[in-house]
Amino acid sequence: MDDQTRIELEAAAFRALRHHLMTQRTDVQNIDMMNLTGFCRNCLSRWYQEAANERGIEMSKDEAREIFYGMTMEEWKSQHQTDASAEKQEAFKTAFAENVEKKR
């Protein structure tokens, strides 16, 4: 497989994952994703932002999230986010430290 085809397939897979998370599984909370997988929608938007910044495209965290979510974070939260239990919040602290802070 040539590099261009591989890049196009990877991009298609990313778009499919984004579509699935944003339209098919809005019920899955970011905190649950982070606690189970070590990444969430916000991580995906951050990786998008980092890729843009590495290519000289200035993009803020909020801009990247709006591109990824297709709406502002406030809109997403009001439409889809539910309150997390104390146990989930505590597990999130560990998952965030292990998967986000450690990699910075």
N, C-alpha and C. Protein backbone atom coordinates (compact mmCIF):
# COMPACT_ATOMS: atom_id res chain seq x y z
N MET A 1 0.86 -1.18 0.00
CA MET A 1 0.00 0.00 0.00
C MET A 1 0.90 1.24 0.00
N ASP A 2 0.57 2.20 -0.83
CA ASP A 2 1.36 3.42 -0.88
C ASP A 2 0.96 4.35 0.28
N ASP A 3 1.83 5.31 0.58
CA ASP A 3 1.62 6.21 1.72
C ASP A 3 0.35 7.03 1.59
N GLN A 4 0.04 7.53 0.40
CA GLN A 4 -1.16 8.36 0.22
C GLN A 4 -2.42 7.56 0.51
N THR A 5 -2.47 6.32 0.04
CA THR A 5 -3.64 5.46 0.31
C THR A 5 -3.76 5.19 1.80
N ARG A 6 -2.62 4.90 2.46
CA ARG A 6 -2.65 4.66 3.91
C ARG A 6 -3.17 5.89 4.64
N ILE A 7 -2.70 7.06 4.27
CA ILE A 7 -3.16 8.31 4.91
C ILE A 7 -4.66 8.50 4.70
N GLU A 8 -5.13 8.24 3.51
CA GLU A 8 -6.57 8.39 3.22
C GLU A 8 -7.40 7.40 4.01
N LEU A 9 -6.91 6.18 4.16
CA LEU A 9 -7.64 5.17 4.95
C LEU A 9 -7.64 5.54 6.43
N GLU A 10 -6.50 6.02 6.94
CA GLU A 10 -6.45 6.46 8.33
C GLU A 10 -7.39 7.63 8.57
N ALA A 11 -7.44 8.57 7.65
CA ALA A 11 -8.35 9.71 7.77
C ALA A 11 -9.80 9.25 7.74
N ALA A 12 -10.11 8.29 6.88
CA ALA A 12 -11.48 7.76 6.81
C ALA A 12 -11.86 7.06 8.11
N ALA A 13 -10.92 6.32 8.68
CA ALA A 13 -11.19 5.65 9.96
C ALA A 13 -11.42 6.67 11.06
N PHE A 14 -10.63 7.74 11.09
CA PHE A 14 -10.82 8.81 12.08
C PHE A 14 -12.19 9.45 11.91
N ARG A 15 -12.58 9.76 10.67
CA ARG A 15 -13.89 10.36 10.44
C ARG A 15 -15.01 9.43 10.88
N ALA A 16 -14.85 8.13 10.65
CA ALA A 16 -15.87 7.16 11.08
C ALA A 16 -15.95 7.10 12.60
N LEU A 17 -14.81 7.12 13.28
CA LEU A 17 -14.81 7.13 14.75
C LEU A 17 -15.48 8.39 15.27
N ARG A 18 -15.12 9.54 14.72
CA ARG A 18 -15.73 10.80 15.13
C ARG A 18 -17.23 10.76 14.93
N HIS A 19 -17.68 10.32 13.75
CA HIS A 19 -19.12 10.25 13.45
C HIS A 19 -19.82 9.33 14.45
N HIS A 20 -19.22 8.18 14.72
CA HIS A 20 -19.81 7.23 15.66
C HIS A 20 -19.98 7.85 17.04
N LEU A 21 -18.93 8.52 17.52
CA LEU A 21 -18.98 9.12 18.86
C LEU A 21 -19.93 10.31 18.93
N MET A 22 -20.06 11.05 17.83
CA MET A 22 -20.83 12.27 17.85
C MET A 22 -22.30 12.08 17.47
N THR A 23 -22.61 10.99 16.78
CA THR A 23 -24.00 10.80 16.36
C THR A 23 -24.62 9.49 16.85
N GLN A 24 -23.82 8.45 16.93
CA GLN A 24 -24.37 7.15 17.32
C GLN A 24 -24.30 6.90 18.82
N ARG A 25 -23.26 7.42 19.48
CA ARG A 25 -23.05 7.12 20.89
C ARG A 25 -22.86 8.37 21.74
N THR A 26 -23.77 9.32 21.56
CA THR A 26 -23.72 10.52 22.39
C THR A 26 -24.00 10.20 23.85
N ASP A 27 -24.54 9.01 24.10
CA ASP A 27 -24.83 8.58 25.46
C ASP A 27 -23.56 8.20 26.23
N VAL A 28 -22.50 7.88 25.52
CA VAL A 28 -21.25 7.51 26.17
C VAL A 28 -20.57 8.79 26.64
N GLN A 29 -20.35 8.88 27.92
CA GLN A 29 -19.77 10.07 28.52
C GLN A 29 -18.25 10.08 28.37
N ASN A 30 -17.69 11.27 28.20
CA ASN A 30 -16.23 11.40 28.10
C ASN A 30 -15.52 10.80 29.31
N ILE A 31 -16.08 11.01 30.49
CA ILE A 31 -15.44 10.49 31.70
C ILE A 31 -15.38 8.96 31.67
N ASP A 32 -16.42 8.33 31.13
CA ASP A 32 -16.42 6.87 31.02
C ASP A 32 -15.37 6.40 30.01
N MET A 33 -15.28 7.12 28.88
CA MET A 33 -14.27 6.78 27.89
C MET A 33 -12.87 6.90 28.48
N MET A 34 -12.61 8.00 29.16
CA MET A 34 -11.28 8.21 29.74
C MET A 34 -10.97 7.14 30.77
N ASN A 35 -11.93 6.84 31.61
CA ASN A 35 -11.70 5.86 32.66
C ASN A 35 -11.46 4.46 32.09
N LEU A 36 -12.10 4.13 30.98
CA LEU A 36 -11.96 2.79 30.39
C LEU A 36 -10.84 2.68 29.37
N THR A 37 -10.62 3.75 28.60
CA THR A 37 -9.69 3.64 27.47
C THR A 37 -8.47 4.53 27.57
N GLY A 38 -8.51 5.51 28.45
CA GLY A 38 -7.40 6.43 28.56
C GLY A 38 -7.44 7.59 27.58
N PHE A 39 -8.54 7.71 26.83
CA PHE A 39 -8.74 8.86 25.95
C PHE A 39 -10.24 9.11 25.81
N CYS A 40 -10.58 10.32 25.35
CA CYS A 40 -11.98 10.67 25.16
C CYS A 40 -12.11 11.64 23.98
N ARG A 41 -13.29 12.15 23.77
CA ARG A 41 -13.51 13.10 22.68
C ARG A 41 -12.58 14.32 22.80
N ASN A 42 -12.38 14.79 24.03
CA ASN A 42 -11.50 15.94 24.23
C ASN A 42 -10.07 15.61 23.84
N CYS A 43 -9.63 14.40 24.09
CA CYS A 43 -8.29 13.98 23.66
C CYS A 43 -8.20 13.99 22.14
N LEU A 44 -9.21 13.46 21.49
CA LEU A 44 -9.23 13.45 20.02
C LEU A 44 -9.16 14.86 19.47
N SER A 45 -9.90 15.78 20.08
CA SER A 45 -9.85 17.17 19.60
C SER A 45 -8.49 17.80 19.91
N ARG A 46 -7.86 17.43 21.02
CA ARG A 46 -6.53 17.94 21.35
C ARG A 46 -5.50 17.41 20.36
N TRP A 47 -5.61 16.14 20.00
CA TRP A 47 -4.68 15.57 19.02
C TRP A 47 -4.84 16.27 17.66
N TYR A 48 -6.06 16.62 17.33
CA TYR A 48 -6.34 17.37 16.10
C TYR A 48 -5.65 18.74 16.18
N GLN A 49 -5.82 19.41 17.30
CA GLN A 49 -5.19 20.72 17.52
C GLN A 49 -3.67 20.61 17.43
N GLU A 50 -3.10 19.62 18.10
CA GLU A 50 -1.66 19.45 18.09
C GLU A 50 -1.14 19.20 16.68
N ALA A 51 -1.85 18.40 15.89
CA ALA A 51 -1.45 18.14 14.51
C ALA A 51 -1.49 19.43 13.69
N ALA A 52 -2.51 20.23 13.91
CA ALA A 52 -2.60 21.51 13.20
C ALA A 52 -1.46 22.42 13.60
N ASN A 53 -1.22 22.54 14.90
CA ASN A 53 -0.15 23.41 15.39
C ASN A 53 1.22 22.98 14.88
N GLU A 54 1.45 21.65 14.81
CA GLU A 54 2.72 21.14 14.29
C GLU A 54 2.94 21.52 12.82
N ARG A 55 1.85 21.77 12.11
CA ARG A 55 1.93 22.14 10.70
C ARG A 55 1.86 23.66 10.50
N GLY A 56 1.98 24.40 11.61
CA GLY A 56 1.98 25.85 11.53
C GLY A 56 0.61 26.48 11.45
N ILE A 57 -0.43 25.69 11.71
CA ILE A 57 -1.81 26.20 11.71
C ILE A 57 -2.16 26.53 13.16
N GLU A 58 -2.36 27.80 13.44
CA GLU A 58 -2.72 28.19 14.80
C GLU A 58 -4.16 27.80 15.09
N MET A 59 -4.34 27.06 16.16
CA MET A 59 -5.68 26.60 16.54
C MET A 59 -5.70 26.47 18.06
N SER A 60 -6.69 27.08 18.68
CA SER A 60 -6.83 26.99 20.13
C SER A 60 -7.56 25.70 20.51
N LYS A 61 -7.51 25.39 21.79
CA LYS A 61 -8.22 24.22 22.31
C LYS A 61 -9.71 24.35 22.01
N ASP A 62 -10.27 25.54 22.24
CA ASP A 62 -11.70 25.74 22.00
C ASP A 62 -12.05 25.60 20.52
N GLU A 63 -11.19 26.12 19.65
CA GLU A 63 -11.43 25.99 18.21
C GLU A 63 -11.39 24.52 17.78
N ALA A 64 -10.42 23.78 18.29
CA ALA A 64 -10.32 22.36 17.95
C ALA A 64 -11.53 21.58 18.46
N ARG A 65 -11.96 21.88 19.65
CA ARG A 65 -13.14 21.19 20.20
C ARG A 65 -14.38 21.50 19.37
N GLU A 66 -14.54 22.76 18.96
CA GLU A 66 -15.71 23.11 18.16
C GLU A 66 -15.68 22.40 16.81
N ILE A 67 -14.50 22.27 16.21
CA ILE A 67 -14.38 21.53 14.95
C ILE A 67 -14.74 20.06 15.19
N PHE A 68 -14.18 19.47 16.23
CA PHE A 68 -14.43 18.04 16.49
C PHE A 68 -15.88 17.78 16.88
N TYR A 69 -16.40 18.57 17.81
CA TYR A 69 -17.75 18.35 18.31
C TYR A 69 -18.83 18.83 17.35
N GLY A 70 -18.46 19.76 16.46
CA GLY A 70 -19.46 20.34 15.56
C GLY A 70 -20.35 21.35 16.27
N MET A 71 -19.93 21.76 17.43
CA MET A 71 -20.64 22.74 18.26
C MET A 71 -19.70 23.16 19.37
N THR A 72 -20.09 24.18 20.12
CA THR A 72 -19.25 24.58 21.24
C THR A 72 -19.32 23.53 22.34
N MET A 73 -18.33 23.55 23.21
CA MET A 73 -18.32 22.63 24.35
C MET A 73 -19.54 22.86 25.23
N GLU A 74 -19.92 24.12 25.39
CA GLU A 74 -21.08 24.43 26.22
C GLU A 74 -22.35 23.79 25.64
N GLU A 75 -22.49 23.86 24.31
CA GLU A 75 -23.65 23.23 23.66
C GLU A 75 -23.64 21.72 23.86
N TRP A 76 -22.45 21.10 23.66
CA TRP A 76 -22.34 19.65 23.83
C TRP A 76 -22.72 19.25 25.26
N LYS A 77 -22.16 19.97 26.22
CA LYS A 77 -22.43 19.64 27.62
C LYS A 77 -23.91 19.76 27.94
N SER A 78 -24.55 20.82 27.47
CA SER A 78 -25.96 21.01 27.78
C SER A 78 -26.84 19.96 27.10
N GLN A 79 -26.43 19.48 25.96
CA GLN A 79 -27.23 18.49 25.23
C GLN A 79 -26.95 17.05 25.63
N HIS A 80 -25.69 16.75 26.06
CA HIS A 80 -25.31 15.34 26.20
C HIS A 80 -24.65 14.95 27.52
N GLN A 81 -24.03 15.89 28.21
CA GLN A 81 -23.25 15.51 29.39
C GLN A 81 -24.14 15.35 30.61
N THR A 82 -23.89 14.29 31.35
CA THR A 82 -24.61 14.04 32.60
C THR A 82 -23.63 14.18 33.76
N ASP A 83 -24.16 14.27 34.95
CA ASP A 83 -23.32 14.38 36.14
C ASP A 83 -22.60 13.05 36.38
N ALA A 84 -21.35 13.15 36.78
CA ALA A 84 -20.55 11.96 37.08
C ALA A 84 -20.54 11.72 38.57
N SER A 85 -20.58 10.46 38.95
CA SER A 85 -20.53 10.09 40.36
C SER A 85 -19.16 10.43 40.94
N ALA A 86 -19.09 10.47 42.23
CA ALA A 86 -17.81 10.72 42.91
C ALA A 86 -16.79 9.64 42.56
N GLU A 87 -17.24 8.41 42.42
CA GLU A 87 -16.34 7.31 42.07
C GLU A 87 -15.75 7.51 40.67
N LYS A 88 -16.59 7.91 39.71
CA LYS A 88 -16.10 8.16 38.35
C LYS A 88 -15.13 9.33 38.33
N GLN A 89 -15.43 10.36 39.11
CA GLN A 89 -14.54 11.52 39.15
C GLN A 89 -13.19 11.15 39.75
N GLU A 90 -13.19 10.30 40.74
CA GLU A 90 -11.93 9.86 41.35
C GLU A 90 -11.14 8.99 40.38
N ALA A 91 -11.82 8.09 39.68
CA ALA A 91 -11.15 7.25 38.68
C ALA A 91 -10.59 8.11 37.55
N PHE A 92 -11.31 9.19 37.21
CA PHE A 92 -10.85 10.09 36.16
C PHE A 92 -9.52 10.74 36.52
N LYS A 93 -9.36 11.12 37.77
CA LYS A 93 -8.10 11.75 38.20
C LYS A 93 -6.92 10.84 37.89
N THR A 94 -7.09 9.57 38.19
CA THR A 94 -6.03 8.59 37.93
C THR A 94 -5.82 8.41 36.43
N ALA A 95 -6.91 8.22 35.69
CA ALA A 95 -6.80 8.01 34.24
C ALA A 95 -6.17 9.21 33.55
N PHE A 96 -6.55 10.40 33.96
CA PHE A 96 -6.01 11.62 33.36
C PHE A 96 -4.51 11.73 33.65
N ALA A 97 -4.14 11.48 34.90
CA ALA A 97 -2.73 11.56 35.28
C ALA A 97 -1.90 10.54 34.51
N GLU A 98 -2.42 9.33 34.33
CA GLU A 98 -1.67 8.27 33.65
C GLU A 98 -1.63 8.44 32.14
N ASN A 99 -2.67 9.02 31.56
CA ASN A 99 -2.77 9.04 30.11
C ASN A 99 -2.58 10.39 29.45
N VAL A 100 -2.74 11.46 30.21
CA VAL A 100 -2.60 12.79 29.62
C VAL A 100 -1.40 13.52 30.23
N GLU A 101 -1.41 13.67 31.53
CA GLU A 101 -0.33 14.43 32.17
C GLU A 101 1.02 13.76 31.99
N LYS A 102 1.07 12.45 32.05
CA LYS A 102 2.33 11.71 31.93
C LYS A 102 2.94 11.90 30.55
N LYS A 103 2.12 12.13 29.53
CA LYS A 103 2.61 12.22 28.16
C LYS A 103 2.98 13.62 27.74
N ARG A 104 2.77 14.59 28.58
CA ARG A 104 3.10 15.99 28.23
C ARG A 104 4.56 16.26 28.43
